[in-house]
N, C-alpha and C. Protein backbone atom coordinates (compact mmCIF):
# COMPACT_ATOMS: atom_id res chain seq x y z
N MET A 1 9.37 14.70 -7.34
CA MET A 1 8.32 13.22 -7.02
C MET A 1 9.10 12.45 -7.96
N PHE A 2 9.25 10.27 -7.81
CA PHE A 2 9.18 9.89 -8.38
C PHE A 2 8.89 9.60 -9.61
N SER A 3 10.03 9.39 -10.63
CA SER A 3 9.14 9.25 -12.01
C SER A 3 8.41 7.86 -12.52
N SER A 4 7.43 8.18 -13.23
CA SER A 4 6.60 6.67 -13.72
C SER A 4 7.64 6.14 -14.47
N LYS A 5 8.26 6.72 -14.94
CA LYS A 5 9.36 5.85 -16.05
C LYS A 5 9.50 4.15 -15.19
N PHE A 6 10.16 4.68 -13.98
CA PHE A 6 10.97 3.61 -13.36
C PHE A 6 9.82 2.51 -12.68
N LEU A 7 8.65 2.41 -12.16
CA LEU A 7 7.83 2.18 -11.40
C LEU A 7 6.60 1.69 -12.74
N LEU A 8 6.77 2.57 -14.22
CA LEU A 8 6.01 1.72 -14.63
C LEU A 8 6.46 0.76 -15.51
N ALA A 9 8.32 0.88 -15.75
CA ALA A 9 8.92 -0.36 -16.71
C ALA A 9 9.37 -1.48 -15.43
N PHE A 10 9.51 -1.02 -14.20
CA PHE A 10 9.37 -2.09 -13.20
C PHE A 10 8.68 -2.93 -13.34
N GLY A 11 6.86 -2.26 -13.45
CA GLY A 11 6.26 -3.29 -13.58
C GLY A 11 5.62 -4.08 -14.29
N VAL A 12 5.05 -2.99 -15.47
CA VAL A 12 5.43 -3.93 -16.96
C VAL A 12 6.04 -5.08 -17.15
N VAL A 13 7.61 -4.51 -17.11
CA VAL A 13 8.43 -5.68 -17.63
C VAL A 13 8.23 -6.58 -16.25
N VAL A 14 8.19 -6.66 -15.44
CA VAL A 14 8.50 -7.42 -14.12
C VAL A 14 6.92 -8.41 -14.75
N ALA A 15 5.97 -7.55 -14.71
CA ALA A 15 4.52 -8.73 -15.28
C ALA A 15 4.25 -8.88 -16.46
N LEU A 16 4.79 -8.02 -17.61
CA LEU A 16 4.45 -7.92 -18.56
C LEU A 16 4.19 -8.81 -19.61
N ALA A 17 4.39 -10.03 -19.61
CA ALA A 17 4.52 -11.67 -20.07
C ALA A 17 2.75 -11.58 -19.40
N ALA A 18 3.17 -11.68 -18.26
CA ALA A 18 1.47 -12.02 -17.65
C ALA A 18 0.59 -11.03 -17.48
N ALA A 19 0.71 -9.83 -17.32
CA ALA A 19 -0.15 -8.72 -17.42
C ALA A 19 -0.98 -8.42 -18.18
N ASN A 20 -1.27 -6.98 -18.35
CA ASN A 20 -1.61 -6.38 -20.16
C ASN A 20 -0.29 -5.92 -20.42
N PRO A 21 0.22 -6.31 -21.50
CA PRO A 21 1.40 -6.14 -22.26
C PRO A 21 1.40 -4.99 -23.43
N MET A 22 -0.06 -4.53 -23.28
CA MET A 22 -0.37 -3.84 -24.76
C MET A 22 -0.49 -2.22 -23.39
N ASN A 23 -0.88 -2.33 -22.32
CA ASN A 23 -1.12 -0.98 -21.63
C ASN A 23 -0.03 0.18 -20.91
N GLY A 24 0.48 0.79 -21.96
CA GLY A 24 1.25 1.62 -21.80
C GLY A 24 0.88 3.14 -21.01
N PRO A 25 2.18 3.92 -20.86
CA PRO A 25 2.36 4.92 -20.04
C PRO A 25 0.85 6.13 -20.34
N GLY A 26 0.66 5.73 -21.65
CA GLY A 26 -0.35 6.91 -22.15
C GLY A 26 -1.92 6.35 -21.54
N GLY A 27 -1.73 4.78 -21.03
CA GLY A 27 -2.76 4.10 -20.33
C GLY A 27 -3.53 3.59 -21.86
N PRO A 28 -5.00 3.28 -21.89
CA PRO A 28 -5.64 2.50 -22.93
C PRO A 28 -5.54 2.93 -23.79
N GLY A 29 -5.27 3.01 -24.84
CA GLY A 29 -5.66 3.87 -25.99
C GLY A 29 -5.07 5.16 -26.17
N GLY A 30 -3.79 5.32 -25.39
CA GLY A 30 -3.35 7.00 -24.75
C GLY A 30 -2.41 6.70 -25.85
N PRO A 31 -1.60 7.64 -26.01
CA PRO A 31 -0.31 7.73 -26.81
C PRO A 31 0.42 6.88 -27.68
N GLY A 32 0.39 6.62 -29.34
CA GLY A 32 0.73 5.55 -30.01
C GLY A 32 -0.16 5.02 -30.45
N GLY A 33 -2.07 5.09 -30.03
CA GLY A 33 -2.90 4.10 -30.81
C GLY A 33 -3.72 3.35 -29.37
N PRO A 34 -4.32 2.60 -29.75
CA PRO A 34 -4.66 1.75 -28.47
C PRO A 34 -3.88 0.74 -28.02
N PHE A 35 -2.54 0.67 -28.08
CA PHE A 35 -1.42 -0.03 -27.51
C PHE A 35 -0.85 0.94 -26.62
N GLY A 36 -1.57 2.05 -26.25
CA GLY A 36 -0.47 3.13 -25.12
C GLY A 36 0.45 3.52 -25.52
N GLY A 37 1.35 3.56 -24.17
CA GLY A 37 2.53 4.83 -25.14
C GLY A 37 3.49 4.14 -26.16
N HIS A 38 3.31 2.51 -26.39
CA HIS A 38 4.49 2.15 -26.91
C HIS A 38 4.23 1.57 -28.53
N GLY A 39 3.42 1.72 -28.39
CA GLY A 39 2.49 1.69 -30.23
C GLY A 39 2.94 3.08 -31.81
N GLY A 40 3.62 3.53 -30.79
CA GLY A 40 3.99 4.68 -31.50
C GLY A 40 5.15 4.08 -32.21
N PRO A 41 5.55 4.96 -33.65
CA PRO A 41 6.66 4.37 -34.76
C PRO A 41 8.00 3.50 -33.63
N GLY A 42 8.50 2.66 -34.04
CA GLY A 42 9.38 1.89 -33.31
C GLY A 42 9.37 1.18 -32.34
N GLY A 43 8.37 1.38 -31.59
CA GLY A 43 7.54 0.77 -30.79
C GLY A 43 6.96 -0.91 -30.60
N PRO A 44 7.75 -1.58 -29.48
CA PRO A 44 7.52 -3.18 -29.89
C PRO A 44 6.00 -3.40 -30.35
N PHE A 45 5.60 -2.44 -30.28
CA PHE A 45 3.84 -3.07 -31.29
C PHE A 45 4.11 -2.89 -32.22
N ALA A 46 4.67 -1.35 -32.83
CA ALA A 46 4.16 -1.09 -34.03
C ALA A 46 3.67 -2.30 -35.33
N ASP A 47 4.49 -3.40 -35.37
CA ASP A 47 4.44 -4.18 -36.30
C ASP A 47 3.07 -4.39 -36.45
N LEU A 48 2.74 -4.84 -34.81
CA LEU A 48 1.53 -5.43 -34.75
C LEU A 48 0.41 -4.61 -35.45
N GLU A 49 0.41 -3.34 -34.84
CA GLU A 49 -0.46 -2.37 -34.72
C GLU A 49 -0.86 -2.24 -36.30
N LYS A 50 0.47 -2.09 -37.39
CA LYS A 50 0.10 -2.22 -38.97
C LYS A 50 -0.72 -2.99 -39.59
N ILE A 51 -1.12 -4.56 -38.68
CA ILE A 51 -1.91 -5.17 -39.31
C ILE A 51 -2.45 -4.96 -39.16
N LEU A 52 -3.37 -4.09 -38.43
CA LEU A 52 -4.88 -4.51 -37.81
C LEU A 52 -5.77 -2.98 -38.44
N THR A 53 -6.60 -3.56 -39.14
CA THR A 53 -7.73 -2.54 -39.07
C THR A 53 -8.38 -1.52 -38.22
N GLU A 54 -9.06 -0.27 -38.55
CA GLU A 54 -9.24 0.56 -37.96
C GLU A 54 -10.40 -0.01 -37.05
N ASP A 55 -11.16 -0.89 -37.80
CA ASP A 55 -12.02 -1.73 -36.73
C ASP A 55 -11.53 -2.46 -35.67
N GLN A 56 -10.40 -3.27 -35.86
CA GLN A 56 -10.13 -4.01 -34.89
C GLN A 56 -9.30 -3.38 -33.86
N LYS A 57 -8.09 -2.29 -34.55
CA LYS A 57 -8.33 -1.52 -33.29
C LYS A 57 -8.88 -0.95 -32.57
N ALA A 58 -10.10 -0.55 -33.11
CA ALA A 58 -11.47 0.32 -32.16
C ALA A 58 -11.81 -1.14 -31.15
N ALA A 59 -11.82 -2.30 -31.68
CA ALA A 59 -12.62 -3.25 -30.75
C ALA A 59 -11.20 -3.68 -29.92
N LEU A 60 -9.92 -3.37 -30.19
CA LEU A 60 -8.75 -4.15 -29.07
C LEU A 60 -9.04 -2.75 -27.82
N LYS A 61 -9.28 -1.99 -28.61
CA LYS A 61 -9.13 -0.99 -27.51
C LYS A 61 -10.06 -0.32 -26.55
N ALA A 62 -12.01 -1.67 -26.76
CA ALA A 62 -12.57 -1.56 -26.24
C ALA A 62 -12.51 -2.33 -25.15
N ILE A 63 -11.05 -3.50 -25.44
CA ILE A 63 -10.46 -4.53 -24.38
C ILE A 63 -10.30 -3.85 -22.82
N PHE A 64 -9.44 -2.57 -23.47
CA PHE A 64 -8.46 -1.81 -22.41
C PHE A 64 -9.14 -1.13 -22.07
N GLN A 65 -10.44 -0.34 -22.29
CA GLN A 65 -10.85 0.40 -21.35
C GLN A 65 -12.22 -0.28 -20.74
N ASN A 66 -12.30 -1.58 -20.78
CA ASN A 66 -13.28 -2.17 -19.67
C ASN A 66 -12.35 -1.60 -17.86
N ASP A 67 -12.75 -1.00 -17.51
CA ASP A 67 -11.98 -0.19 -15.90
C ASP A 67 -12.18 -1.49 -14.50
N SER A 68 -13.72 -1.99 -15.08
CA SER A 68 -13.82 -3.37 -14.17
C SER A 68 -12.88 -4.51 -14.25
N ALA A 69 -12.51 -4.44 -15.01
CA ALA A 69 -11.57 -5.77 -15.41
C ALA A 69 -10.47 -5.98 -15.21
N THR A 70 -10.15 -6.97 -14.69
CA THR A 70 -9.04 -7.30 -13.90
C THR A 70 -7.59 -7.85 -14.98
N LYS A 71 -6.50 -7.57 -14.50
CA LYS A 71 -5.59 -7.34 -15.47
C LYS A 71 -5.85 -9.30 -16.30
N GLN A 72 -5.74 -9.89 -15.47
CA GLN A 72 -6.35 -11.37 -15.95
C GLN A 72 -7.06 -11.56 -16.95
N GLN A 73 -8.70 -11.15 -16.35
CA GLN A 73 -9.37 -10.73 -17.81
C GLN A 73 -9.32 -9.80 -18.77
N ILE A 74 -8.00 -8.72 -19.04
CA ILE A 74 -7.96 -8.17 -19.93
C ILE A 74 -7.09 -9.11 -20.81
N PHE A 75 -5.90 -9.47 -20.20
CA PHE A 75 -4.84 -10.21 -20.83
C PHE A 75 -5.47 -11.38 -21.54
N ASP A 76 -6.57 -12.08 -20.98
CA ASP A 76 -7.11 -13.17 -21.40
C ASP A 76 -8.20 -13.04 -22.90
N GLY A 77 -8.65 -11.61 -22.63
CA GLY A 77 -9.21 -10.59 -23.57
C GLY A 77 -9.01 -10.52 -25.27
N ILE A 78 -7.53 -10.07 -24.81
CA ILE A 78 -6.37 -9.65 -25.56
C ILE A 78 -6.01 -11.49 -26.33
N LYS A 79 -5.79 -12.39 -25.38
CA LYS A 79 -5.11 -13.39 -26.40
C LYS A 79 -6.35 -13.97 -26.82
N ALA A 80 -7.69 -13.69 -26.68
CA ALA A 80 -9.28 -14.58 -27.38
C ALA A 80 -8.97 -14.00 -28.50
N TYR A 81 -8.81 -12.25 -28.45
CA TYR A 81 -8.87 -11.18 -29.41
C TYR A 81 -8.21 -12.17 -30.69
N PHE A 82 -7.03 -11.65 -30.23
CA PHE A 82 -5.71 -12.33 -31.95
C PHE A 82 -6.10 -13.96 -31.57
N GLU A 83 -6.39 -14.53 -30.87
CA GLU A 83 -6.33 -15.79 -31.58
C GLU A 83 -7.68 -15.94 -32.23
N GLY A 84 -8.63 -15.14 -32.48
CA GLY A 84 -10.21 -14.92 -33.47
C GLY A 84 -9.61 -14.67 -34.53
N ILE A 85 -8.64 -13.83 -34.53
CA ILE A 85 -8.61 -12.67 -35.44
C ILE A 85 -7.89 -13.81 -36.64
N GLY A 86 -6.94 -14.28 -35.76
CA GLY A 86 -5.90 -15.79 -36.39
C GLY A 86 -4.80 -14.96 -37.51
N GLY A 87 -4.35 -16.04 -38.37
CA GLY A 87 -3.16 -15.71 -38.90
C GLY A 87 -2.07 -14.66 -38.39
N GLU A 88 -1.45 -14.34 -39.71
CA GLU A 88 -0.53 -13.19 -39.20
C GLU A 88 -0.68 -12.28 -37.72
N ALA A 89 -1.92 -11.56 -37.66
CA ALA A 89 -1.41 -10.75 -35.95
C ALA A 89 -1.58 -11.99 -34.88
N ALA A 90 -2.34 -12.92 -34.90
CA ALA A 90 -1.70 -14.10 -34.04
C ALA A 90 -1.01 -14.58 -33.89
N ALA A 91 -0.08 -14.39 -34.75
CA ALA A 91 1.83 -14.87 -34.79
C ALA A 91 2.21 -13.51 -34.55
N LYS A 92 1.76 -12.76 -34.72
CA LYS A 92 2.31 -11.49 -34.01
C LYS A 92 2.39 -11.25 -32.66
N PHE A 93 1.26 -11.48 -32.30
CA PHE A 93 1.13 -11.31 -30.87
C PHE A 93 1.68 -12.16 -29.75
N ALA A 94 1.93 -13.63 -30.50
CA ALA A 94 2.49 -14.51 -29.56
C ALA A 94 3.67 -14.40 -29.88
N SER A 95 4.88 -14.21 -30.71
CA SER A 95 5.99 -13.40 -30.69
C SER A 95 5.83 -12.37 -30.26
N LEU A 96 5.41 -11.44 -29.69
CA LEU A 96 5.37 -10.23 -28.88
C LEU A 96 5.34 -10.93 -27.79
N HIS A 97 4.46 -11.53 -27.36
CA HIS A 97 4.31 -11.98 -26.12
C HIS A 97 5.80 -12.94 -25.02
N ASP A 98 5.94 -13.71 -26.54
CA ASP A 98 7.37 -14.38 -25.87
C ASP A 98 8.59 -13.37 -26.07
N LYS A 99 8.46 -12.79 -26.74
CA LYS A 99 9.69 -11.53 -26.46
C LYS A 99 9.41 -10.96 -25.04
N MET A 100 8.60 -10.04 -24.96
CA MET A 100 7.98 -9.72 -23.36
C MET A 100 8.35 -10.82 -22.04
N GLU A 101 7.94 -11.82 -22.36
CA GLU A 101 8.36 -13.02 -21.64
C GLU A 101 10.06 -12.31 -21.03
N SER A 102 10.59 -12.76 -22.25
CA SER A 102 12.23 -12.30 -22.22
C SER A 102 12.56 -11.52 -21.72
N MET A 103 12.11 -10.46 -21.95
CA MET A 103 12.94 -9.08 -21.18
C MET A 103 12.05 -8.82 -20.04
N LYS A 104 11.33 -9.75 -19.81
CA LYS A 104 10.45 -9.62 -18.58
C LYS A 104 11.94 -10.30 -17.33
N THR A 105 12.27 -11.44 -17.71
CA THR A 105 13.10 -12.17 -17.14
C THR A 105 14.53 -11.62 -17.38
N GLU A 106 15.01 -10.62 -18.03
CA GLU A 106 16.35 -10.56 -17.91
C GLU A 106 16.26 -8.52 -16.85
N PHE A 107 14.95 -8.28 -16.90
CA PHE A 107 14.67 -6.77 -16.37
C PHE A 107 15.26 -7.61 -14.87
N ILE A 108 14.21 -8.34 -14.94
CA ILE A 108 14.15 -8.57 -13.15
C ILE A 108 15.85 -9.12 -12.67
N THR A 109 16.16 -9.86 -13.31
CA THR A 109 17.74 -10.30 -13.30
C THR A 109 18.55 -9.35 -12.86
N LYS A 110 18.73 -8.17 -14.02
CA LYS A 110 19.20 -6.85 -14.15
C LYS A 110 18.72 -6.15 -12.67
N ALA A 111 17.41 -6.06 -12.02
CA ALA A 111 16.84 -5.24 -10.78
C ALA A 111 17.53 -5.95 -9.40
N GLU A 112 17.83 -7.31 -9.81
CA GLU A 112 18.18 -7.81 -8.41
C GLU A 112 19.27 -8.07 -8.49
N GLU A 113 20.02 -7.86 -8.89
CA GLU A 113 21.22 -7.19 -9.29
C GLU A 113 22.05 -6.15 -8.71
N ALA A 114 21.11 -5.53 -9.31
CA ALA A 114 21.39 -4.26 -9.10
C ALA A 114 20.87 -3.87 -7.52
N SER A 115 19.97 -4.38 -6.85
CA SER A 115 19.65 -3.77 -5.54
C SER A 115 20.08 -4.69 -4.92
N LYS A 116 20.88 -5.54 -4.80
CA LYS A 116 21.18 -6.74 -3.85
C LYS A 116 21.48 -6.06 -2.60
N ASN A 117 22.77 -4.77 -2.46
CA ASN A 117 22.99 -3.93 -1.65
C ASN A 117 22.50 -3.11 -1.02
N PHE A 118 21.11 -3.27 -1.26
CA PHE A 118 19.81 -2.21 -0.82
C PHE A 118 19.90 -2.54 0.37
N SER A 119 18.99 -1.44 1.61
CA SER A 119 18.76 -1.84 2.56
C SER A 119 17.61 -2.45 2.62
N GLU A 120 17.51 -3.15 3.76
CA GLU A 120 15.88 -4.26 3.87
C GLU A 120 14.50 -3.53 3.69
N PRO A 121 14.46 -2.29 4.07
CA PRO A 121 13.18 -1.64 3.83
C PRO A 121 12.86 -1.25 2.21
N SER A 122 14.12 -1.23 1.52
CA SER A 122 13.51 -1.13 -0.04
C SER A 122 13.82 -2.11 -0.98
N LYS A 123 14.48 -2.90 -0.21
CA LYS A 123 14.23 -4.98 -0.70
C LYS A 123 12.60 -4.93 -0.36
N GLN A 124 11.94 -4.14 0.68
CA GLN A 124 11.08 -5.20 1.33
C GLN A 124 10.05 -4.21 0.67
N LEU A 125 10.00 -3.04 0.10
CA LEU A 125 9.46 -2.58 -0.73
C LEU A 125 9.13 -2.67 -2.44
N ILE A 126 10.25 -3.07 -2.54
CA ILE A 126 10.41 -3.43 -4.28
C ILE A 126 9.76 -4.95 -4.21
N ALA A 127 10.35 -5.80 -2.62
CA ALA A 127 9.17 -7.60 -3.24
C ALA A 127 7.37 -6.92 -2.92
N GLN A 128 7.19 -5.68 -2.53
CA GLN A 128 5.80 -5.93 -1.99
C GLN A 128 5.30 -5.02 -3.69
N ILE A 129 6.14 -4.04 -4.09
CA ILE A 129 5.75 -3.62 -5.97
C ILE A 129 5.68 -4.70 -6.44
N LYS A 130 6.79 -5.66 -6.71
CA LYS A 130 6.49 -6.76 -7.64
C LYS A 130 5.01 -7.65 -7.57
N ALA A 131 5.24 -7.99 -5.95
CA ALA A 131 3.44 -8.69 -5.39
C ALA A 131 2.28 -7.95 -6.23
N ILE A 132 2.12 -7.04 -5.85
CA ILE A 132 1.55 -6.47 -6.78
C ILE A 132 1.34 -5.81 -8.61
N LYS A 133 2.19 -6.07 -8.60
CA LYS A 133 2.22 -6.04 -10.36
C LYS A 133 2.13 -7.19 -10.46
N LEU A 134 2.01 -8.45 -9.67
CA LEU A 134 2.15 -9.98 -10.65
C LEU A 134 0.79 -10.48 -10.22
N ASN A 135 0.00 -9.56 -9.18
CA ASN A 135 -1.70 -9.65 -8.58
C ASN A 135 -2.49 -9.30 -10.18
N MET A 136 -2.71 -10.48 -10.28
CA MET A 136 -3.14 -10.61 -11.90
C MET A 136 -4.90 -10.74 -11.28
N ALA A 137 -5.43 -10.63 -10.39
CA ALA A 137 -6.50 -10.28 -9.75
C ALA A 137 -7.06 -8.77 -9.53
N LEU A 138 -6.04 -8.36 -10.01
CA LEU A 138 -6.28 -6.17 -9.34
C LEU A 138 -6.71 -6.02 -10.78
N THR A 139 -7.49 -4.68 -10.76
CA THR A 139 -7.63 -3.80 -11.91
C THR A 139 -6.74 -2.82 -12.27
N PRO A 140 -6.22 -2.68 -13.97
CA PRO A 140 -4.78 -1.84 -13.47
C PRO A 140 -4.74 -0.35 -12.86
N ALA A 141 -6.32 0.21 -12.60
CA ALA A 141 -6.21 1.14 -11.28
C ALA A 141 -6.45 0.82 -10.25
N ASP A 142 -6.32 -0.09 -9.82
CA ASP A 142 -6.47 -0.62 -8.61
C ASP A 142 -5.11 -1.06 -8.21
N GLU A 143 -3.94 -1.44 -8.59
CA GLU A 143 -2.48 -1.42 -9.17
C GLU A 143 -2.11 -0.28 -9.20
N ARG A 144 -2.28 0.90 -10.05
CA ARG A 144 -1.66 1.86 -9.71
C ARG A 144 -1.83 2.47 -8.63
N THR A 145 -2.86 1.96 -7.81
CA THR A 145 -3.31 3.14 -6.34
C THR A 145 -2.82 2.44 -5.58
N GLN A 146 -2.61 0.69 -5.72
CA GLN A 146 -1.85 0.50 -4.70
C GLN A 146 -0.03 0.91 -4.38
N VAL A 147 0.53 0.95 -5.81
CA VAL A 147 1.52 0.70 -6.51
C VAL A 147 2.51 2.00 -5.64
N LYS A 148 1.26 3.06 -5.98
CA LYS A 148 1.11 4.87 -4.95
C LYS A 148 1.29 5.08 -4.16
N ALA A 149 0.16 3.92 -3.19
CA ALA A 149 0.75 4.37 -2.07
C ALA A 149 1.59 3.81 -1.32
N LEU A 150 2.36 2.96 -1.48
CA LEU A 150 3.18 2.36 -1.06
C LEU A 150 4.42 3.53 -1.61
N PHE A 151 4.71 3.64 -2.17
CA PHE A 151 5.84 4.51 -2.90
C PHE A 151 5.27 6.25 -2.09
N ASP A 152 4.27 6.80 -1.61
CA ASP A 152 4.14 7.73 -1.35
C ASP A 152 4.59 7.54 0.26
N GLY A 153 3.85 6.59 0.88
CA GLY A 153 4.47 6.29 2.56
C GLY A 153 5.91 5.45 2.66
N ALA A 154 6.49 5.57 2.03
CA ALA A 154 8.01 5.02 2.19
C ALA A 154 8.70 6.14 2.14
N PRO A 155 9.93 5.82 3.33
CA PRO A 155 10.65 7.14 4.03
C PRO A 155 11.75 7.29 2.78
N GLU A 156 11.91 8.27 2.81
CA GLU A 156 12.51 9.56 1.84
C GLU A 156 14.04 8.95 1.50
N ASP A 157 14.93 8.16 2.69
CA ASP A 157 16.08 6.82 2.05
C ASP A 157 15.47 5.92 1.54
N VAL A 158 14.42 5.51 1.44
CA VAL A 158 13.98 4.21 0.99
C VAL A 158 13.62 4.47 -0.84
N LYS A 159 12.76 5.96 -0.71
CA LYS A 159 12.52 6.49 -2.13
C LYS A 159 14.12 6.53 -2.78
N THR A 160 15.00 7.28 -2.06
CA THR A 160 16.68 7.83 -2.95
C THR A 160 17.17 6.77 -3.16
N GLU A 161 16.88 5.08 -2.77
CA GLU A 161 17.69 3.69 -3.11
C GLU A 161 16.86 3.26 -4.25
N LEU A 162 15.43 4.01 -4.17
CA LEU A 162 14.85 3.25 -5.84
C LEU A 162 14.97 4.03 -6.82
N LYS A 163 15.28 5.26 -6.43
CA LYS A 163 15.66 6.62 -7.66
C LYS A 163 17.17 5.97 -8.20
N SER A 164 17.98 5.73 -7.77
CA SER A 164 19.23 4.98 -7.60
C SER A 164 19.11 4.09 -8.80
N LEU A 165 18.11 3.04 -8.10
CA LEU A 165 18.22 2.09 -8.82
C LEU A 165 17.89 2.32 -10.45
N ARG A 166 16.89 3.13 -10.67
CA ARG A 166 15.93 3.97 -11.47
C ARG A 166 17.68 4.00 -12.60
N ALA A 167 17.69 4.92 -12.01
CA ALA A 167 19.07 5.58 -12.83
C ALA A 167 20.38 4.20 -13.12
N GLN A 168 20.98 3.19 -12.56
CA GLN A 168 21.73 2.36 -12.39
C GLN A 168 20.22 1.67 -14.03
N LEU A 169 19.51 1.21 -13.88
CA LEU A 169 18.70 0.36 -14.88
C LEU A 169 18.18 1.34 -15.97
N PHE A 170 17.88 2.65 -15.74
CA PHE A 170 17.48 3.13 -17.23
C PHE A 170 18.38 4.69 -17.45
N GLY A 171 20.12 5.06 -16.89
CA GLY A 171 20.75 5.82 -17.39
C GLY A 171 20.81 6.16 -18.30
N GLY A 172 20.90 4.60 -19.28
CA GLY A 172 21.33 5.74 -20.68
C GLY A 172 20.51 5.24 -21.71
N PHE A 173 19.21 4.94 -21.30
CA PHE A 173 17.70 5.55 -21.98
C PHE A 173 17.44 6.70 -22.64
N GLY A 174 18.25 7.25 -21.54
CA GLY A 174 17.48 8.72 -22.32
C GLY A 174 16.16 8.90 -22.28
N GLY A 175 14.83 9.20 -22.62
CA GLY A 175 14.00 9.66 -22.74
C GLY A 175 13.30 10.48 -21.38
N HIS A 176 11.81 10.94 -22.13
CA HIS A 176 11.85 11.87 -20.92
C HIS A 176 11.43 11.41 -19.35
N GLN A 177 11.47 11.75 -18.35
CA GLN A 177 10.16 11.48 -17.56
C GLN A 177 9.24 12.47 -16.97
N THR A 178 8.89 11.88 -16.50
CA THR A 178 7.31 12.26 -15.55
C THR A 178 7.00 12.70 -14.23
N THR A 179 6.31 13.34 -13.81
CA THR A 179 6.16 12.83 -12.39
C THR A 179 4.56 12.87 -12.51
N ALA A 180 4.05 11.83 -13.37
CA ALA A 180 2.92 11.02 -13.30
C ALA A 180 2.69 10.11 -12.09
N ALA A 181 1.29 9.85 -11.75
CA ALA A 181 1.41 8.83 -10.94
C ALA A 181 2.23 7.72 -11.31
N PRO A 182 2.36 7.01 -10.32
CA PRO A 182 2.78 5.56 -11.20
C PRO A 182 2.43 4.71 -11.53
N GLN A 183 2.37 3.93 -12.40
CA GLN A 183 1.89 2.98 -13.76
C GLN A 183 1.98 1.77 -13.10
């Protein structure tokens, strides 16, 4: 099965700055603390997490655990939360948001270059996934369900092309791959 690493990275980086930038592969409050899978040592959220109190982390986690909230509502809630805290936390969040926006742009450029010679069905699937990831009116669960349905319904040759894109983009990153549902 297609690794969640590709779809997570594709989706998160494609929409990271616009969507919920702190919902990692562990989901809200998953591995790495309230920042999903990215809050562990050395992750992009480590500095931000270090300056929050346990109460602040719990309050932030509650924003993520609102299953009925859309990605836009979650992001707006996170932004308002850090603006409410102010000071160093707000500054670090703003800086992190800017970095994620830059990463998103860089990743899109690399993905478009790497997939320019793909078949039309593969390009169409990538465009559909990107549209879902950028749709801020969806809840994170709805997003995962829609992306998984698209991928599960794709022909094997399209899946193979997308797996080759994953290898091109992430081949040097190492790390573990999972067979969990795409994020």
